[in-house]
N, C-alpha and C. Protein backbone atom coordinates (compact mmCIF):
# COMPACT_ATOMS: atom_id res chain seq x y z
N MET A 1 29.91 -8.47 15.11
CA MET A 1 28.41 -9.44 14.70
C MET A 1 28.40 -11.01 15.45
N ALA A 2 27.53 -11.40 15.07
CA ALA A 2 27.79 -13.04 16.32
C ALA A 2 26.54 -14.18 15.24
N TYR A 3 27.08 -14.61 14.97
CA TYR A 3 26.01 -15.81 14.06
C TYR A 3 25.92 -17.41 14.71
N LEU A 4 24.64 -17.27 14.21
CA LEU A 4 24.32 -18.76 14.82
C LEU A 4 24.53 -20.21 13.35
N LEU A 5 24.97 -21.23 13.01
CA LEU A 5 25.19 -21.83 12.16
C LEU A 5 23.60 -22.92 11.93
N ASP A 6 23.32 -22.96 10.94
CA ASP A 6 22.74 -24.17 10.94
C ASP A 6 22.99 -25.71 10.48
N SER A 7 22.65 -26.78 10.84
CA SER A 7 22.98 -28.56 10.77
C SER A 7 23.63 -28.75 9.47
N ASP A 8 23.38 -27.87 8.64
CA ASP A 8 23.36 -28.28 7.47
C ASP A 8 25.41 -27.78 7.13
N VAL A 9 25.86 -26.85 7.31
CA VAL A 9 27.19 -25.95 7.53
C VAL A 9 27.79 -26.84 8.16
N LEU A 10 27.65 -27.66 9.29
CA LEU A 10 28.79 -28.54 9.97
C LEU A 10 28.33 -29.41 9.35
N ILE A 11 27.38 -30.20 9.16
CA ILE A 11 27.72 -31.20 7.70
C ILE A 11 28.37 -31.31 7.06
N ARG A 12 27.79 -30.12 6.73
CA ARG A 12 28.38 -30.10 4.79
C ARG A 12 29.86 -30.01 4.96
N ALA A 13 30.84 -29.07 5.97
CA ALA A 13 31.78 -28.79 6.24
C ALA A 13 32.72 -30.45 6.36
N LYS A 14 32.08 -30.76 7.05
CA LYS A 14 32.94 -32.25 7.03
C LYS A 14 32.49 -33.03 5.71
N ARG A 15 31.45 -33.02 5.58
CA ARG A 15 30.99 -34.20 4.15
C ARG A 15 32.49 -33.53 3.12
N ASP A 16 32.63 -32.66 2.48
CA ASP A 16 32.56 -31.90 1.30
C ASP A 16 33.83 -30.67 1.64
N HIS A 17 33.97 -29.80 2.55
CA HIS A 17 34.42 -28.90 1.69
C HIS A 17 36.60 -29.09 3.48
N TYR A 18 35.53 -29.32 4.55
CA TYR A 18 36.32 -28.77 5.63
C TYR A 18 36.66 -30.51 6.18
N ARG A 19 37.04 -31.25 5.53
CA ARG A 19 37.28 -32.96 6.60
C ARG A 19 37.88 -32.20 7.34
N PHE A 20 37.97 -33.36 8.79
CA PHE A 20 38.22 -33.52 9.82
C PHE A 20 40.18 -33.56 9.53
N GLY A 21 40.41 -34.54 9.02
CA GLY A 21 41.77 -35.25 8.87
C GLY A 21 42.56 -33.77 7.84
N THR A 22 41.81 -33.27 6.41
CA THR A 22 42.68 -32.80 6.27
C THR A 22 41.85 -30.85 6.47
N PHE A 23 41.45 -30.59 7.24
CA PHE A 23 41.23 -29.13 7.12
C PHE A 23 41.25 -29.18 9.11
N PRO A 24 41.86 -29.49 9.65
CA PRO A 24 41.54 -29.26 11.11
C PRO A 24 41.46 -27.75 11.55
N CYS A 25 41.55 -26.99 10.72
CA CYS A 25 41.95 -25.14 10.97
C CYS A 25 40.79 -24.65 11.46
N PHE A 26 39.70 -25.89 10.25
CA PHE A 26 38.76 -24.99 10.18
C PHE A 26 37.96 -25.40 11.53
N TRP A 27 37.83 -26.47 12.02
CA TRP A 27 37.48 -26.61 13.05
C TRP A 27 38.07 -25.88 14.53
N ASP A 28 38.85 -25.63 14.92
CA ASP A 28 39.88 -25.04 15.20
C ASP A 28 39.45 -23.13 15.06
N TRP A 29 38.92 -22.75 14.24
CA TRP A 29 38.05 -21.83 13.18
C TRP A 29 37.37 -21.48 14.73
N VAL A 30 36.31 -23.02 14.17
CA VAL A 30 34.91 -22.82 15.14
C VAL A 30 35.03 -22.81 16.48
N ARG A 31 35.96 -23.27 16.83
CA ARG A 31 35.65 -24.12 18.31
C ARG A 31 36.49 -21.92 18.78
N ALA A 32 37.43 -22.11 18.69
CA ALA A 32 37.77 -20.47 19.15
C ALA A 32 36.53 -19.39 18.89
N LYS A 33 36.06 -19.29 17.81
CA LYS A 33 34.83 -18.23 17.94
C LYS A 33 33.73 -18.53 18.68
N SER A 34 33.48 -19.73 18.74
CA SER A 34 32.67 -20.24 19.68
C SER A 34 33.08 -19.31 21.12
N ASP A 35 34.35 -20.14 21.57
CA ASP A 35 34.82 -19.43 22.52
C ASP A 35 34.64 -17.96 22.35
N GLU A 36 34.48 -16.82 21.94
CA GLU A 36 34.70 -16.13 21.32
C GLU A 36 32.98 -15.27 21.94
N GLY A 37 32.01 -16.45 21.38
CA GLY A 37 30.79 -15.76 21.46
C GLY A 37 30.46 -15.31 19.91
N ILE A 38 31.19 -15.24 18.87
CA ILE A 38 30.90 -14.74 18.19
C ILE A 38 29.65 -16.34 16.44
N VAL A 39 30.41 -17.49 17.03
CA VAL A 39 29.87 -18.35 16.40
C VAL A 39 29.79 -19.09 17.34
N ARG A 40 27.77 -19.45 16.88
CA ARG A 40 27.60 -19.88 18.15
C ARG A 40 25.67 -21.17 17.13
N SER A 41 25.62 -21.89 18.01
CA SER A 41 23.96 -22.17 16.89
C SER A 41 22.81 -22.47 18.80
N VAL A 42 22.01 -23.38 18.00
CA VAL A 42 20.79 -23.87 19.10
C VAL A 42 20.64 -25.30 19.57
N VAL A 43 20.85 -25.50 20.77
CA VAL A 43 20.24 -26.97 21.32
C VAL A 43 19.50 -27.52 20.44
N ALA A 44 18.65 -27.81 19.75
CA ALA A 44 17.74 -28.39 18.32
C ALA A 44 18.46 -28.32 17.54
N ILE A 45 19.64 -27.67 16.41
CA ILE A 45 20.96 -27.73 16.11
C ILE A 45 22.01 -28.78 16.67
N GLN A 46 22.13 -28.76 17.75
CA GLN A 46 23.16 -29.79 18.54
C GLN A 46 22.69 -31.18 18.04
N GLN A 47 21.32 -31.64 18.66
CA GLN A 47 20.69 -32.71 18.87
C GLN A 47 20.68 -33.39 17.31
N GLU A 48 20.24 -32.44 16.37
CA GLU A 48 19.93 -33.23 15.03
C GLU A 48 21.54 -33.41 14.52
N VAL A 49 22.50 -33.13 15.06
CA VAL A 49 23.63 -33.42 14.81
C VAL A 49 24.44 -34.71 15.53
N LEU A 50 24.03 -34.31 16.80
CA LEU A 50 24.32 -35.65 17.70
C LEU A 50 24.02 -36.85 17.08
N ASN A 51 22.16 -36.37 16.55
CA ASN A 51 22.34 -37.89 16.29
C ASN A 51 22.09 -38.97 14.81
N GLY A 52 23.51 -37.60 14.42
CA GLY A 52 24.46 -38.68 13.23
C GLY A 52 24.77 -39.24 13.61
N GLY A 53 25.21 -39.63 15.24
CA GLY A 53 26.09 -40.63 15.35
C GLY A 53 27.98 -40.44 15.06
N ASP A 54 27.71 -39.50 14.42
CA ASP A 54 29.30 -39.28 13.55
C ASP A 54 30.68 -39.14 14.06
N GLU A 55 31.69 -38.83 13.45
CA GLU A 55 32.40 -37.94 13.84
C GLU A 55 32.18 -36.63 14.12
N LEU A 56 31.03 -36.14 13.66
CA LEU A 56 31.15 -34.88 13.89
C LEU A 56 30.30 -34.96 14.95
N ALA A 57 29.42 -36.04 15.20
CA ALA A 57 28.70 -35.45 16.33
C ALA A 57 29.80 -35.89 17.75
N THR A 58 30.62 -36.83 17.72
CA THR A 58 31.46 -36.50 18.87
C THR A 58 32.79 -35.58 19.12
N TRP A 59 33.08 -34.83 17.40
CA TRP A 59 33.40 -32.84 17.90
C TRP A 59 32.16 -32.55 18.55
N ILE A 60 30.93 -32.44 18.35
CA ILE A 60 29.83 -31.35 18.96
C ILE A 60 29.83 -32.04 20.62
N ARG A 61 30.43 -33.28 21.24
CA ARG A 61 30.15 -33.88 22.36
C ARG A 61 30.85 -32.41 23.12
N ASP A 62 31.68 -31.99 22.76
CA ASP A 62 33.03 -31.76 23.70
C ASP A 62 32.56 -29.50 24.00
N LEU A 63 31.02 -29.42 23.23
CA LEU A 63 31.05 -27.78 23.02
C LEU A 63 29.49 -27.55 22.81
N ASN A 64 29.67 -28.04 23.99
CA ASN A 64 28.29 -27.68 24.62
C ASN A 64 27.73 -25.92 24.79
N GLU A 65 28.98 -25.45 25.11
CA GLU A 65 28.34 -24.44 25.70
C GLU A 65 28.30 -23.38 24.33
N MET A 66 28.60 -24.36 23.09
CA MET A 66 28.44 -23.16 21.68
C MET A 66 26.51 -23.19 21.48
N PHE A 67 26.21 -24.20 21.97
CA PHE A 67 25.17 -24.19 21.67
C PHE A 67 23.72 -23.83 22.75
N LEU A 68 23.49 -23.15 21.97
CA LEU A 68 22.54 -21.52 23.16
C LEU A 68 20.98 -22.10 23.50
N ALA A 69 20.08 -22.50 24.27
CA ALA A 69 18.82 -23.30 24.96
C ALA A 69 18.20 -21.55 24.71
N PRO A 70 16.25 -21.67 24.46
CA PRO A 70 15.57 -21.48 23.92
C PRO A 70 15.70 -19.98 25.34
N ASP A 71 14.84 -18.74 25.09
CA ASP A 71 14.61 -18.45 26.27
C ASP A 71 13.35 -17.80 25.95
N GLU A 72 12.98 -16.76 26.58
CA GLU A 72 11.33 -16.09 27.07
C GLU A 72 11.39 -15.09 25.48
N ALA A 73 12.71 -14.86 25.40
CA ALA A 73 12.81 -14.45 24.47
C ALA A 73 12.63 -14.64 22.91
N THR A 74 12.94 -15.72 23.11
CA THR A 74 13.28 -17.28 21.80
C THR A 74 11.62 -17.70 21.75
N ALA A 75 11.25 -17.74 22.59
CA ALA A 75 9.67 -18.39 22.39
C ALA A 75 8.75 -17.25 22.35
N ASN A 76 9.09 -15.83 21.86
CA ASN A 76 8.12 -15.01 21.38
C ASN A 76 8.46 -14.71 20.32
N ALA A 77 9.80 -14.83 19.81
CA ALA A 77 9.84 -14.59 18.54
C ALA A 77 9.88 -16.06 17.99
N ALA A 78 9.85 -16.98 18.31
CA ALA A 78 9.10 -18.56 18.06
C ALA A 78 7.15 -18.18 17.34
N ARG A 79 7.06 -17.50 18.41
CA ARG A 79 5.32 -17.35 17.48
C ARG A 79 4.74 -15.84 16.98
N ARG A 80 6.00 -15.21 16.55
CA ARG A 80 6.37 -14.21 15.51
C ARG A 80 6.64 -15.38 14.40
N LEU A 81 7.62 -15.95 14.21
CA LEU A 81 7.69 -16.38 13.23
C LEU A 81 6.38 -17.86 12.93
N SER A 82 5.72 -18.39 14.18
CA SER A 82 5.00 -19.53 13.58
C SER A 82 3.87 -18.39 12.87
N ALA A 83 3.31 -16.96 13.21
CA ALA A 83 2.55 -15.58 12.24
C ALA A 83 2.87 -16.17 11.32
N TRP A 84 4.37 -15.81 11.28
CA TRP A 84 4.41 -15.68 9.64
C TRP A 84 4.71 -17.01 8.96
N ALA A 85 4.73 -17.56 9.25
CA ALA A 85 4.63 -19.24 7.96
C ALA A 85 3.08 -19.31 7.90
N GLN A 86 2.58 -19.39 9.21
CA GLN A 86 1.17 -19.72 8.60
C GLN A 86 -0.05 -18.47 8.04
N GLY A 87 0.72 -17.45 7.59
CA GLY A 87 0.14 -16.16 7.12
C GLY A 87 -0.45 -16.28 6.02
N PRO A 88 -1.34 -15.61 5.67
CA PRO A 88 -2.96 -15.82 4.60
C PRO A 88 -1.30 -15.21 2.97
N ALA A 89 -0.53 -14.94 3.07
CA ALA A 89 0.74 -15.19 2.34
C ALA A 89 1.93 -15.78 2.05
N ARG A 90 1.22 -17.07 2.79
CA ARG A 90 2.05 -18.19 3.06
C ARG A 90 1.48 -18.92 1.93
N ILE A 91 2.01 -20.49 1.88
CA ILE A 91 1.36 -20.61 0.37
C ILE A 91 1.77 -22.17 0.88
N TYR A 92 2.31 -22.45 2.27
CA TYR A 92 3.59 -23.47 2.16
C TYR A 92 2.18 -24.81 2.69
N THR A 93 2.31 -25.64 2.76
CA THR A 93 1.76 -27.09 2.74
C THR A 93 1.66 -27.51 3.75
N PRO A 94 0.96 -28.11 4.48
CA PRO A 94 0.05 -28.06 5.97
C PRO A 94 2.01 -28.96 6.38
N ALA A 95 2.49 -30.14 5.15
CA ALA A 95 3.32 -30.88 5.60
C ALA A 95 4.76 -29.65 5.89
N ALA A 96 4.73 -28.87 5.27
CA ALA A 96 5.97 -28.72 4.66
C ALA A 96 5.77 -27.66 6.27
N LEU A 97 4.90 -27.05 6.79
CA LEU A 97 4.50 -26.54 8.47
C LEU A 97 5.11 -27.42 9.34
N ALA A 98 4.42 -28.46 9.63
CA ALA A 98 4.66 -29.66 10.32
C ALA A 98 6.78 -29.79 10.42
N GLU A 99 6.77 -29.75 9.49
CA GLU A 99 8.39 -30.55 9.13
C GLU A 99 9.79 -28.69 9.63
N PHE A 100 8.79 -28.43 9.27
CA PHE A 100 8.91 -26.99 10.01
C PHE A 100 9.18 -26.39 11.61
N PHE A 101 8.14 -26.35 11.93
CA PHE A 101 7.61 -26.68 13.52
C PHE A 101 8.72 -27.41 14.07
N ALA A 102 8.32 -28.83 14.48
CA ALA A 102 9.59 -29.57 14.31
C ALA A 102 11.18 -29.18 14.43
N SER A 103 11.91 -28.75 13.37
CA SER A 103 13.16 -28.40 12.93
C SER A 103 13.55 -27.73 13.64
N GLY A 104 14.68 -27.89 13.55
CA GLY A 104 15.80 -26.67 14.16
C GLY A 104 15.57 -25.76 14.19
N ASP A 105 15.63 -25.42 12.60
CA ASP A 105 15.96 -24.62 11.51
C ASP A 105 14.62 -23.24 12.33
N TYR A 106 13.66 -23.76 12.34
CA TYR A 106 12.46 -23.20 13.39
C TYR A 106 12.92 -22.30 14.58
N TRP A 107 14.25 -23.10 15.25
CA TRP A 107 14.46 -22.33 16.81
C TRP A 107 15.49 -21.96 16.67
N LEU A 108 16.66 -22.25 14.96
CA LEU A 108 17.67 -21.12 14.92
C LEU A 108 17.39 -19.68 14.67
N ILE A 109 16.50 -19.80 14.04
CA ILE A 109 15.62 -18.44 13.39
C ILE A 109 14.81 -17.55 14.56
N ALA A 110 14.83 -18.57 15.36
CA ALA A 110 13.81 -17.49 16.17
C ALA A 110 14.86 -17.06 16.95
N HIS A 111 15.83 -17.74 17.50
CA HIS A 111 16.84 -17.88 19.08
C HIS A 111 17.14 -16.24 17.59
N ALA A 112 17.97 -16.42 16.51
CA ALA A 112 17.90 -15.68 15.44
C ALA A 112 17.98 -13.61 15.89
N SER A 113 16.47 -13.86 16.07
CA SER A 113 15.41 -12.68 15.79
C SER A 113 15.78 -12.37 17.37
N ALA A 114 15.10 -13.00 18.10
CA ALA A 114 15.10 -12.92 19.74
C ALA A 114 16.54 -11.73 19.89
N HIS A 115 17.48 -12.81 19.60
CA HIS A 115 18.52 -11.96 19.99
C HIS A 115 19.56 -11.51 18.57
N ASP A 116 18.94 -11.14 18.13
CA ASP A 116 19.54 -9.87 16.92
C ASP A 116 21.56 -11.23 16.24
N PHE A 117 21.27 -12.20 16.09
CA PHE A 117 22.92 -13.02 15.64
C PHE A 117 22.23 -12.93 13.59
N THR A 118 23.06 -12.95 13.03
CA THR A 118 23.10 -13.94 12.00
C THR A 118 22.71 -15.28 11.48
N VAL A 119 21.70 -15.85 10.74
CA VAL A 119 21.96 -17.05 10.32
C VAL A 119 22.96 -17.30 9.40
N VAL A 120 23.43 -18.88 9.37
CA VAL A 120 24.69 -18.71 8.57
C VAL A 120 23.92 -20.61 7.80
N THR A 121 23.48 -20.74 6.63
CA THR A 121 22.80 -21.56 6.29
C THR A 121 23.53 -21.98 4.42
N MET A 122 23.21 -23.17 3.93
CA MET A 122 24.01 -23.61 2.56
C MET A 122 22.67 -23.61 2.40
N GLU A 123 21.79 -22.70 2.39
CA GLU A 123 20.17 -22.93 1.17
C GLU A 123 19.49 -21.81 0.67
N LEU A 124 19.20 -22.08 0.25
CA LEU A 124 19.17 -20.61 -0.65
C LEU A 124 17.73 -20.46 -0.50
N PRO A 125 17.27 -19.24 -1.01
CA PRO A 125 15.69 -18.68 -1.09
C PRO A 125 15.02 -19.37 -2.40
N ALA A 126 14.02 -19.82 -2.01
CA ALA A 126 12.73 -20.19 -2.89
C ALA A 126 11.64 -19.61 -2.85
N PRO A 127 11.34 -18.54 -2.15
CA PRO A 127 10.27 -17.70 -1.61
C PRO A 127 8.47 -17.85 -2.22
N LEU A 128 8.70 -19.16 -3.68
CA LEU A 128 7.63 -20.03 -4.30
C LEU A 128 7.13 -21.37 -3.64
N ALA A 129 8.69 -22.24 -2.81
CA ALA A 129 7.94 -23.27 -2.44
C ALA A 129 6.94 -23.55 -1.56
N GLN A 130 6.30 -24.52 -1.68
CA GLN A 130 5.36 -24.79 -1.38
C GLN A 130 5.63 -26.29 0.09
N ARG A 131 6.39 -27.38 -0.78
CA ARG A 131 7.03 -27.92 0.21
C ARG A 131 7.73 -28.08 1.32
N ARG A 132 7.92 -27.06 1.38
CA ARG A 132 9.79 -26.50 2.46
C ARG A 132 9.87 -25.13 2.88
N VAL A 133 9.63 -24.97 3.71
CA VAL A 133 10.10 -23.99 4.47
C VAL A 133 11.63 -23.31 4.38
N LYS A 134 12.27 -22.47 3.45
CA LYS A 134 13.38 -22.11 3.61
C LYS A 134 14.15 -21.54 4.62
N ILE A 135 15.09 -21.56 4.95
CA ILE A 135 15.78 -20.57 5.67
C ILE A 135 15.88 -19.23 5.70
N PRO A 136 16.44 -19.03 4.11
CA PRO A 136 16.30 -17.45 4.04
C PRO A 136 15.32 -17.17 3.86
N ASP A 137 14.12 -17.13 3.29
CA ASP A 137 12.77 -17.35 3.56
C ASP A 137 11.86 -17.21 4.39
N ALA A 138 12.41 -17.51 5.61
CA ALA A 138 11.92 -17.47 6.74
C ALA A 138 12.85 -15.99 7.41
N CYS A 139 14.50 -16.07 7.32
CA CYS A 139 14.78 -15.09 7.58
C CYS A 139 14.23 -13.37 7.32
N ASN A 140 13.92 -13.92 5.37
CA ASN A 140 13.71 -12.52 5.13
C ASN A 140 12.61 -12.65 5.75
N GLY A 141 11.58 -12.96 5.90
CA GLY A 141 10.13 -12.89 5.98
C GLY A 141 9.69 -11.90 7.77
N VAL A 142 11.27 -12.73 9.11
CA VAL A 142 10.99 -12.04 10.42
C VAL A 142 11.99 -11.50 9.93
N GLY A 143 12.59 -10.72 9.15
CA GLY A 143 13.65 -9.73 9.65
C GLY A 143 14.87 -9.93 9.77
N VAL A 144 15.06 -11.46 10.06
CA VAL A 144 16.81 -11.98 10.43
C VAL A 144 17.40 -11.82 9.14
N ALA A 145 18.90 -11.46 9.42
CA ALA A 145 19.96 -11.85 8.22
C ALA A 145 20.52 -12.30 8.51
N TRP A 146 20.92 -13.44 7.15
CA TRP A 146 21.47 -14.50 6.85
C TRP A 146 22.19 -14.31 5.69
N VAL A 147 23.70 -15.27 5.94
CA VAL A 147 24.63 -15.48 4.61
C VAL A 147 24.47 -17.39 5.21
N ASN A 148 25.96 -17.62 3.84
CA ASN A 148 26.02 -19.06 3.62
C ASN A 148 27.44 -18.63 4.53
N PRO A 149 28.13 -19.96 4.69
CA PRO A 149 28.96 -19.87 5.25
C PRO A 149 30.54 -19.45 4.67
N PHE A 150 30.57 -19.46 3.34
CA PHE A 150 32.25 -18.62 3.00
C PHE A 150 31.43 -17.22 3.60
N GLU A 151 30.31 -16.09 3.20
CA GLU A 151 30.71 -15.10 3.71
C GLU A 151 30.57 -14.88 5.19
N MET A 152 30.57 -15.49 5.57
CA MET A 152 30.82 -15.61 7.02
C MET A 152 32.19 -15.75 7.08
N LEU A 153 32.52 -16.46 6.92
CA LEU A 153 34.40 -16.75 7.06
C LEU A 153 35.09 -15.27 6.30
N GLU A 154 34.70 -14.94 5.18
CA GLU A 154 34.71 -13.68 4.68
C GLU A 154 35.03 -12.89 5.67
N ARG A 155 33.53 -12.25 6.07
CA ARG A 155 33.25 -11.52 6.44
C ARG A 155 34.17 -11.13 8.80
N GLU A 156 34.29 -12.60 8.23
CA GLU A 156 35.39 -12.85 9.54
C GLU A 156 37.19 -12.55 9.73
N GLY A 157 37.34 -12.66 8.59
CA GLY A 157 38.73 -12.09 8.08
C GLY A 157 39.42 -14.09 8.34
N ALA A 158 38.69 -14.66 8.38
CA ALA A 158 39.27 -16.09 8.42
C ALA A 158 40.57 -16.83 7.50
N SER A 159 41.61 -16.89 7.78
CA SER A 159 42.10 -17.75 6.30
C SER A 159 43.09 -19.04 7.25
N PHE A 160 43.36 -19.76 6.22
CA PHE A 160 43.67 -21.20 6.60
C PHE A 160 44.69 -21.31 5.71
N VAL A 161 46.31 -21.31 6.24
CA VAL A 161 47.01 -21.38 5.50
C VAL A 161 47.98 -22.32 6.49
């Protein structure tokens, strides 16, 4: 199984769970799994992290191969995702849709859909939300698997001792 990380997974890991100075083993694990092609993300997510201009942005700069660029299959999946988000059963506000289509989340889910990745996110589903398209809801809407980072670590047998 291969995973695509949402920016919030990396940001919250740096801030809350796996600070660089305390848990370098986590960051070594992400780098190693990226080198193996198991843990990746997309260029739009990379840009979101780089915009932070912090220690995480510095760490990300060395990992260009981790971030996948959109291709034709991703563009086709993005059109399907857009149709889902704007479908008659959806209740999102125009502002929520505009924010979603401009986000890295949109390209993350589209790439996962096109290339059979599992999305890793800290977000929780909120199927009745109107003001924000949540990653798990969009994933569910287009048939993309998603997990939280702790589930990914467990599935991959990560052990930080």
